[in-house]
Amino acid sequence: MSDPASTILVVEDDGIVRMLIVDVLEELEYCVLEAADGKEAMAFLQKTDEKIDLLMTDKGLPDMDGIKLAKNAAELRPSLPILFASGYAENIELPPGTHLIGKPFSIDQLRDKVKSILGQ
């Protein structure tokens, strides 16, 4: 697909949901980094040599909510696109310039959303 493959950081505290999202994105030939919470995600975001093209995060995380993670990510990487995945999509106040996909989503919805964000 894209050359070289875009890298997506997936932050999801539910291990099964995270695995499914990662499987779909890898099937679509993206490189995927996984984090179970905001702390793990921040470790990736703070590595300046780590290429990340998209942050995909759940809003509800155990240690820091996705909105706070997004704000921290924006400070470290101002141009990083952020995609929120939430089962409560209609109730979220999103930070400006971020994207949203409602759970549950289909493989096609995820593919189309990611491609549109990454401009592919």
Protein backbone atom coordinates (compact mmCIF):
# COMPACT_ATOMS: atom_id res chain seq x y z
CA MET A 1 0.00 0.00 0.00
CA SER A 2 1.96 2.97 1.26
CA ASP A 3 5.70 2.93 0.84
CA PRO A 4 7.23 2.93 3.39
CA ALA A 5 4.35 1.76 5.54
CA SER A 6 2.73 4.34 7.78
CA THR A 7 3.10 3.69 11.50
CA ILE A 8 0.05 3.79 13.75
CA LEU A 9 0.21 3.86 17.54
CA VAL A 10 -2.87 2.04 18.88
CA VAL A 11 -3.78 2.79 22.51
CA GLU A 12 -6.55 0.55 23.88
CA ASP A 13 -6.83 -0.90 27.37
CA ASP A 14 -9.04 -3.83 26.32
CA GLY A 15 -6.54 -6.45 25.12
CA ILE A 16 -8.97 -8.23 22.80
CA VAL A 17 -10.17 -5.02 21.15
CA ARG A 18 -6.55 -3.84 20.79
CA MET A 19 -5.56 -7.16 19.21
CA LEU A 20 -8.43 -6.95 16.70
CA ILE A 21 -7.57 -3.35 15.73
CA VAL A 22 -3.88 -4.23 15.38
CA ASP A 23 -4.70 -7.30 13.26
CA VAL A 24 -6.86 -5.23 10.91
CA LEU A 25 -4.27 -2.47 10.55
CA GLU A 26 -1.45 -4.97 9.95
CA GLU A 27 -3.64 -6.72 7.36
CA LEU A 28 -3.87 -3.31 5.65
CA GLU A 29 -0.04 -3.24 5.68
CA TYR A 30 0.49 -0.57 8.32
CA CYS A 31 3.23 -0.81 10.93
CA VAL A 32 1.54 -0.89 14.33
CA LEU A 33 2.79 0.03 17.78
CA GLU A 34 0.63 -1.09 20.72
CA ALA A 35 0.02 0.49 24.10
CA ALA A 36 -2.42 -0.64 26.81
CA ASP A 37 -2.57 2.75 28.52
CA GLY A 38 -1.48 6.37 28.37
CA LYS A 39 1.82 5.72 30.11
CA GLU A 40 2.89 3.13 27.51
CA ALA A 41 1.72 5.43 24.73
CA MET A 42 3.72 8.36 26.12
CA ALA A 43 6.85 6.17 26.16
CA PHE A 44 6.49 5.71 22.37
CA LEU A 45 5.62 9.38 21.79
CA GLN A 46 8.65 10.58 23.76
CA LYS A 47 11.10 8.58 21.62
CA THR A 48 12.10 11.20 19.08
CA ASP A 49 13.48 8.55 16.70
CA GLU A 50 10.18 6.59 16.70
CA LYS A 51 8.22 7.27 13.50
CA ILE A 52 4.50 7.64 14.25
CA ASP A 53 2.08 8.79 11.54
CA LEU A 54 -1.18 8.42 13.47
CA LEU A 55 -2.23 8.06 17.11
CA MET A 56 -5.39 5.97 17.50
CA THR A 57 -6.63 6.00 21.07
CA ASP A 58 -9.61 4.92 23.10
CA LYS A 59 -11.09 7.78 25.10
CA GLY A 60 -11.46 5.73 28.28
CA LEU A 61 -8.05 4.58 29.49
CA PRO A 62 -7.21 3.42 33.02
CA ASP A 63 -4.44 5.88 33.87
CA MET A 64 -5.08 8.99 31.78
CA ASP A 65 -8.05 9.55 29.52
CA GLY A 66 -7.59 9.71 25.77
CA ILE A 67 -8.22 13.46 25.66
CA LYS A 68 -5.34 14.12 28.08
CA LEU A 69 -3.16 11.70 26.11
CA ALA A 70 -4.03 13.59 22.91
CA LYS A 71 -3.09 16.91 24.49
CA ASN A 72 0.23 15.47 25.69
CA ALA A 73 0.85 13.96 22.24
CA ALA A 74 0.09 17.30 20.55
CA GLU A 75 2.69 19.03 22.72
CA LEU A 76 5.35 16.46 21.79
CA ARG A 77 4.32 16.01 18.16
CA PRO A 78 2.21 18.99 17.01
CA SER A 79 1.58 17.61 13.51
CA LEU A 80 0.55 14.10 14.63
CA PRO A 81 -3.03 13.26 13.57
CA ILE A 82 -5.16 11.79 16.36
CA LEU A 83 -8.08 9.38 15.93
CA PHE A 84 -10.35 8.66 18.88
CA ALA A 85 -12.21 5.36 18.97
CA SER A 86 -15.15 5.41 21.35
CA GLY A 87 -18.35 3.58 22.09
CA TYR A 88 -19.71 6.91 23.32
CA ALA A 89 -18.91 8.87 20.18
CA GLU A 90 -21.82 11.29 20.45
CA ASN A 91 -20.86 12.37 23.99
CA ILE A 92 -17.23 13.32 23.37
CA GLU A 93 -15.91 16.87 23.27
CA LEU A 94 -13.02 16.41 20.87
CA PRO A 95 -9.93 18.57 20.84
CA PRO A 96 -9.80 20.67 17.64
CA GLY A 97 -8.26 18.96 14.64
CA THR A 98 -8.80 15.42 15.93
CA HIS A 99 -10.86 12.65 14.35
CA LEU A 100 -13.42 10.19 15.71
CA ILE A 101 -14.61 6.69 14.85
CA GLY A 102 -17.48 5.20 16.83
CA LYS A 103 -17.23 1.69 18.27
CA PRO A 104 -18.14 -0.81 17.13
CA PHE A 105 -16.73 -0.10 13.68
CA SER A 106 -16.30 -2.34 10.67
CA ILE A 107 -12.99 -3.19 9.04
CA ASP A 108 -14.05 -1.07 6.05
CA GLN A 109 -14.92 1.91 8.27
CA LEU A 110 -11.54 1.69 10.01
CA ARG A 111 -9.65 1.35 6.71
CA ASP A 112 -11.48 4.29 5.13
CA LYS A 113 -11.06 6.53 8.19
CA VAL A 114 -7.33 5.81 8.54
CA LYS A 115 -6.70 6.29 4.82
CA SER A 116 -8.57 9.59 4.79
CA ILE A 117 -6.62 10.88 7.82
CA LEU A 118 -3.27 9.81 6.35
CA GLY A 119 -4.18 11.20 2.93
CA GLN A 120 -3.85 7.88 1.12
